[in-house]
C-alpha cells in the first residue's frame, strides 16, 4: 500500500520539525510531505533532502481575512481534510503534528496496519493519567457550541473525543468529505474567525457515525494532559501510571513545547541512550 506521511511547520516550529523527521524510522512510509507555513531558506534546504513533497498551502476553507493575515499558521489545520487533494495517488495518508516525536517505530506500524480497515485510525484523549480540568472542558464545549449550537456542546454519552494531531485514513474513506463539510459549517457559524479542525472532526464522527479505530493513548501521548515518566533502565519515556508501558509517539501539545527539561533531556536520553 502506498502511504504518504504529512506534517506542517513554520520557522518557529523548525526545531520540532527536525526532531520529528529525525525520529522517523526509514521503513515506515513511502513518502514524506511537508506543508511550508513560512520556513527559512536554511530549513527548506534541509527538508528538501528528506521530503518528497514540500508545498506552501493556500486557504482551502472560508477563513476570515483577519485570521489569514494574523495567523497564517492556521493553514496547518485547514489543510488536513484536504491531504488527498494536495497529494493524489496515495492509498492512505498519515498525519503527524510537527510537535510530535516517534519513540517506537511500532507505533506507526499500528496506524499502517489498522488503516486498511477503512476506518479513521486515531487516539482518543483518554487515559487514567490524563487530567481534564475545567479550563480544558470549557475550551472543548465553547468550540462545539460556537460551531454547532448549544446542543452540540455536550457530546453523546460515551462518545470518544479524539486528538487530530496524529491519524491515518484511506484515500477512499468517507471521512474526508464529512470533515470538510463539518469544518465549513463551523467556520460559517463563526464568520471564519474560529479555526478548529479537531472540533469539526469530532462532530462529524459523532453525528455521522463514521467508523473509527481508537488506539491507546501511548500512540499519541498528549503531554499537556499528563507529563510522561522516564525509565532509566529501559531508556525510554513511558506512561506515568502502572504498568508504565513505553510511549510510541510523544506529542508536545499546547504549552509543553516550552518544557526544556522534557524536550532536551528526557527525549534526548530516550533517543540516543
Protein backbone atom coordinates (compact mmCIF):
# COMPACT_ATOMS: atom_id res chain seq x y z
CA UNK A 1 0.00 0.00 0.00
CA UNK A 2 1.36 3.40 -1.00
CA UNK A 3 1.27 5.65 2.06
CA UNK A 4 2.10 9.33 2.47
CA UNK A 5 3.14 10.79 5.80
CA UNK A 6 2.42 14.52 6.10
CA UNK A 7 3.18 17.32 8.53
CA UNK A 8 3.38 21.13 8.58
CA UNK A 9 5.55 23.80 10.18
CA UNK A 10 6.70 27.40 10.08
CA UNK A 11 10.18 28.51 11.13
CA UNK A 12 9.11 28.81 14.77
CA UNK A 13 8.38 25.07 14.67
CA UNK A 14 11.54 24.21 12.70
CA UNK A 15 13.40 22.61 15.67
CA UNK A 16 10.36 20.46 16.40
CA UNK A 17 10.04 19.55 12.73
CA UNK A 18 13.66 18.41 12.65
CA UNK A 19 13.15 16.29 15.78
CA UNK A 20 10.08 14.65 14.24
CA UNK A 21 11.72 13.84 10.91
CA UNK A 22 14.89 12.54 12.53
CA UNK A 23 12.81 10.24 14.72
CA UNK A 24 11.00 8.62 11.77
CA UNK A 25 12.02 5.03 11.00
CA UNK A 26 13.23 4.74 7.43
CA UNK A 27 10.93 1.85 6.57
CA UNK A 28 7.80 3.45 7.95
CA UNK A 29 6.31 5.20 4.93
CA UNK A 30 6.54 5.60 1.18
CA UNK A 31 6.92 9.37 1.01
CA UNK A 32 7.08 12.40 3.27
CA UNK A 33 5.24 15.66 2.62
CA UNK A 34 5.81 18.94 4.44
CA UNK A 35 3.49 21.93 4.29
CA UNK A 36 5.67 25.03 4.32
CA UNK A 37 3.96 27.63 6.50
CA UNK A 38 6.93 30.01 6.49
CA UNK A 39 10.15 28.03 6.75
CA UNK A 40 13.53 29.69 6.29
CA UNK A 41 15.74 29.02 3.30
CA UNK A 42 18.10 27.01 5.51
CA UNK A 43 15.31 24.82 6.87
CA UNK A 44 13.87 24.28 3.41
CA UNK A 45 17.29 23.19 2.15
CA UNK A 46 17.49 20.68 5.00
CA UNK A 47 13.93 19.48 4.40
CA UNK A 48 14.36 19.09 0.64
CA UNK A 49 16.89 16.32 1.24
CA UNK A 50 14.34 14.38 3.28
CA UNK A 51 10.87 15.06 1.87
CA UNK A 52 9.38 14.12 -1.48
CA UNK A 53 6.87 16.96 -1.40
CA UNK A 54 7.17 20.46 0.08
CA UNK A 55 4.14 22.65 -0.58
CA UNK A 56 3.13 26.12 0.56
CA UNK A 57 -0.63 25.64 1.04
CA UNK A 58 -3.38 28.11 0.39
CA UNK A 59 -6.59 28.51 2.35
CA UNK A 60 -8.94 25.69 1.43
CA UNK A 61 -11.80 26.84 3.63
CA UNK A 62 -13.57 30.18 4.27
CA UNK A 63 -11.30 31.54 6.99
CA UNK A 64 -11.65 35.27 7.68
CA UNK A 65 -9.20 37.72 6.15
CA UNK A 66 -8.13 38.85 9.60
CA UNK A 67 -7.11 35.32 10.60
CA UNK A 68 -5.35 34.74 7.29
CA UNK A 69 -3.15 37.76 7.89
CA UNK A 70 -2.62 37.46 11.63
CA UNK A 71 -2.41 33.68 11.97
CA UNK A 72 -1.11 32.12 8.74
CA UNK A 73 -0.02 29.04 10.71
CA UNK A 74 -3.68 28.05 10.93
CA UNK A 75 -3.23 26.60 7.46
CA UNK A 76 -1.82 23.57 9.29
CA UNK A 77 -5.41 22.99 10.44
CA UNK A 78 -7.26 23.74 7.22
CA UNK A 79 -5.07 21.50 5.04
CA UNK A 80 -5.69 18.31 6.96
CA UNK A 81 -9.09 17.43 5.46
CA UNK A 82 -7.55 18.03 2.01
CA UNK A 83 -4.49 15.80 2.08
CA UNK A 84 -5.67 13.58 -0.75
CA UNK A 85 -6.29 16.64 -2.93
CA UNK A 86 -2.84 18.08 -2.36
CA UNK A 87 -1.14 14.74 -2.91
CA UNK A 88 -3.25 12.43 -5.09
CA UNK A 89 -2.18 8.93 -5.95
CA UNK A 90 -1.67 7.54 -2.46
CA UNK A 91 -3.83 4.83 -0.96
CA UNK A 92 -3.55 6.13 2.59
CA UNK A 93 -2.40 9.21 4.47
CA UNK A 94 -0.84 9.55 7.90
CA UNK A 95 -0.69 12.93 9.60
CA UNK A 96 1.73 13.87 12.37
CA UNK A 97 1.81 17.28 14.00
CA UNK A 98 5.30 18.76 13.91
CA UNK A 99 5.43 18.80 17.70
CA UNK A 100 5.31 15.00 17.80
CA UNK A 101 8.28 12.68 18.22
CA UNK A 102 8.43 8.97 17.38
CA UNK A 103 9.96 6.93 20.16
CA UNK A 104 8.96 3.48 18.85
CA UNK A 105 8.62 2.53 15.19
CA UNK A 106 5.90 0.03 16.04
CA UNK A 107 3.59 2.92 16.89
CA UNK A 108 3.42 3.85 13.22
CA UNK A 109 3.04 0.17 12.33
CA UNK A 110 -0.23 0.16 14.27
CA UNK A 111 -1.51 3.10 12.22
CA UNK A 112 -0.47 1.48 8.93
CA UNK A 113 -1.98 -1.89 9.78
CA UNK A 114 -5.26 -0.55 11.14
CA UNK A 115 -5.93 1.92 8.32
CA UNK A 116 -6.60 -0.96 5.93
CA UNK A 117 -9.97 -1.42 7.63
CA UNK A 118 -11.22 1.81 6.07
CA UNK A 119 -11.80 3.49 9.43
CA UNK A 120 -10.13 6.56 10.89
CA UNK A 121 -7.18 5.40 13.00
CA UNK A 122 -6.71 7.87 15.82
CA UNK A 123 -6.18 8.11 19.59
CA UNK A 124 -8.91 9.46 21.88
CA UNK A 125 -7.90 11.94 24.57
CA UNK A 126 -8.46 9.34 27.26
CA UNK A 127 -6.09 7.78 29.81
CA UNK A 128 -6.18 7.30 33.59
CA UNK A 129 -3.25 9.72 33.95
CA UNK A 130 -4.82 12.49 31.87
CA UNK A 131 -6.17 15.45 33.79
CA UNK A 132 -9.05 17.25 32.12
CA UNK A 133 -9.59 20.37 34.18
CA UNK A 134 -12.43 22.84 33.99
CA UNK A 135 -10.47 25.00 31.55
CA UNK A 136 -9.97 22.06 29.19
CA UNK A 137 -13.62 21.03 29.36
CA UNK A 138 -14.76 24.61 28.81
CA UNK A 139 -12.41 25.00 25.82
CA UNK A 140 -13.97 21.98 24.16
CA UNK A 141 -17.57 22.92 24.97
CA UNK A 142 -17.17 26.53 23.84
CA UNK A 143 -15.87 25.48 20.44
CA UNK A 144 -18.53 22.86 19.91
CA UNK A 145 -21.20 25.36 20.90
CA UNK A 146 -19.82 28.10 18.66
CA UNK A 147 -19.59 25.76 15.69
CA UNK A 148 -22.76 23.72 16.01
CA UNK A 149 -25.03 25.28 18.64
CA UNK A 150 -25.56 24.83 22.34
CA UNK A 151 -26.89 21.28 21.98
CA UNK A 152 -23.57 20.20 20.48
CA UNK A 153 -21.63 21.48 23.48
CA UNK A 154 -22.41 18.19 25.25
CA UNK A 155 -21.24 15.25 23.12
CA UNK A 156 -23.17 11.96 23.01
CA UNK A 157 -22.70 9.78 26.07
CA UNK A 158 -19.53 7.69 25.89
CA UNK A 159 -18.54 9.29 22.58
CA UNK A 160 -14.75 9.46 22.37
CA UNK A 161 -13.10 12.83 21.85
CA UNK A 162 -10.16 12.23 19.53
CA UNK A 163 -6.99 14.24 19.01
CA UNK A 164 -6.39 15.19 15.37
CA UNK A 165 -2.64 15.64 15.79
CA UNK A 166 -1.94 12.07 14.68
CA UNK A 167 -4.19 9.99 12.45
CA UNK A 168 -4.30 7.62 9.47
CA UNK A 169 -7.03 7.38 6.85
CA UNK A 170 -7.55 5.70 3.48
CA UNK A 171 -7.90 7.96 0.46
CA UNK A 172 -11.30 6.48 -0.38
CA UNK A 173 -12.73 6.86 3.14
CA UNK A 174 -15.90 8.97 3.56
CA UNK A 175 -14.39 10.85 6.49
CA UNK A 176 -12.60 13.41 4.30
CA UNK A 177 -15.78 14.92 2.87
CA UNK A 178 -17.65 14.71 6.17
CA UNK A 179 -14.78 16.52 7.89
CA UNK A 180 -14.74 19.27 5.28
CA UNK A 181 -18.48 19.77 5.47
CA UNK A 182 -18.40 19.94 9.25
CA UNK A 183 -15.48 22.36 9.18
CA UNK A 184 -17.22 24.63 6.66
CA UNK A 185 -20.33 24.67 8.82
CA UNK A 186 -18.34 25.69 11.87
CA UNK A 187 -16.42 28.40 10.06
CA UNK A 188 -19.64 29.80 8.61
CA UNK A 189 -21.18 29.93 12.08
CA UNK A 190 -18.20 31.89 13.43
CA UNK A 191 -17.64 34.15 10.40
CA UNK A 192 -14.39 32.35 9.74
CA UNK A 193 -12.85 33.64 12.96
CA UNK A 194 -12.62 30.38 14.91
CA UNK A 195 -10.41 27.76 13.22
CA UNK A 196 -10.68 24.38 14.92
CA UNK A 197 -10.44 21.31 12.71
CA UNK A 198 -10.48 18.97 15.70
CA UNK A 199 -13.88 20.26 16.79
CA UNK A 200 -15.20 19.72 13.28
CA UNK A 201 -13.74 16.22 13.05
CA UNK A 202 -15.21 15.06 16.34
CA UNK A 203 -18.63 16.42 15.49
CA UNK A 204 -18.56 14.65 12.12
CA UNK A 205 -17.60 11.37 13.79
CA UNK A 206 -20.41 11.64 16.34
CA UNK A 207 -23.20 12.81 14.06
CA UNK A 208 -22.44 10.61 11.04
CA UNK A 209 -21.24 7.59 12.99
CA UNK A 210 -18.14 7.21 10.87
CA UNK A 211 -16.02 4.11 11.51
CA UNK A 212 -13.21 4.59 13.98
CA UNK A 213 -10.26 2.53 15.19
CA UNK A 214 -9.29 4.03 18.57
CA UNK A 215 -5.65 3.47 19.51
CA UNK A 216 -4.29 3.63 23.06
CA UNK A 217 -3.10 6.98 24.32
CA UNK A 218 0.54 5.87 24.21
CA UNK A 219 0.38 6.06 20.42
CA UNK A 220 -0.25 9.82 20.68
CA UNK A 221 0.72 10.79 24.20
CA UNK A 222 -0.53 14.30 24.97
CA UNK A 223 2.00 15.87 27.32
CA UNK A 224 -0.24 18.80 28.24
CA UNK A 225 -2.69 16.36 29.83
CA UNK A 226 -0.03 14.33 31.66
CA UNK A 227 3.76 14.50 31.51
CA UNK A 228 5.38 11.14 30.79
CA UNK A 229 7.75 9.37 33.14
CA UNK A 230 11.30 8.43 32.19
CA UNK A 231 12.56 4.90 32.81
CA UNK A 232 16.38 4.98 33.09
CA UNK A 233 16.67 1.21 32.81
CA UNK A 234 14.79 0.98 29.53
CA UNK A 235 15.97 4.45 28.49
CA UNK A 236 12.53 5.46 27.31
CA UNK A 237 9.61 7.69 28.11
CA UNK A 238 6.66 5.77 29.48
CA UNK A 239 3.20 6.15 30.93
CA UNK A 240 3.28 7.73 34.41
CA UNK A 241 0.92 5.01 35.68
CA UNK A 242 1.35 1.28 36.24
CA UNK A 243 2.34 -0.78 34.27
CA UNK A 244 4.40 2.10 32.84
CA UNK A 245 4.27 0.99 29.23
CA UNK A 246 6.66 2.75 26.90
CA UNK A 247 5.25 5.52 24.72
CA UNK A 248 5.16 5.13 20.96
CA UNK A 249 4.53 8.76 19.95
CA UNK A 250 5.20 11.71 22.26
CA UNK A 251 3.15 14.82 21.46
CA UNK A 252 4.40 18.11 22.91
CA UNK A 253 0.95 19.63 22.66
CA UNK A 254 -0.11 23.06 23.91
CA UNK A 255 2.28 24.64 26.44
CA UNK A 256 4.57 21.61 26.77
CA UNK A 257 6.68 22.73 23.81
CA UNK A 258 8.49 25.01 26.23
CA UNK A 259 9.33 22.36 28.81
CA UNK A 260 13.03 22.22 28.03
CA UNK A 261 13.82 19.52 30.57
CA UNK A 262 11.37 17.19 28.85
CA UNK A 263 12.31 18.06 25.31
CA UNK A 264 16.09 18.24 25.55
CA UNK A 265 16.85 15.90 28.44
CA UNK A 266 14.41 13.03 28.62
CA UNK A 267 13.75 12.84 24.89
CA UNK A 268 17.44 13.04 24.07
CA UNK A 269 18.21 10.27 26.53
CA UNK A 270 15.39 8.12 25.21
CA UNK A 271 16.51 8.53 21.62
CA UNK A 272 20.27 8.34 21.94
CA UNK A 273 20.79 6.37 25.11
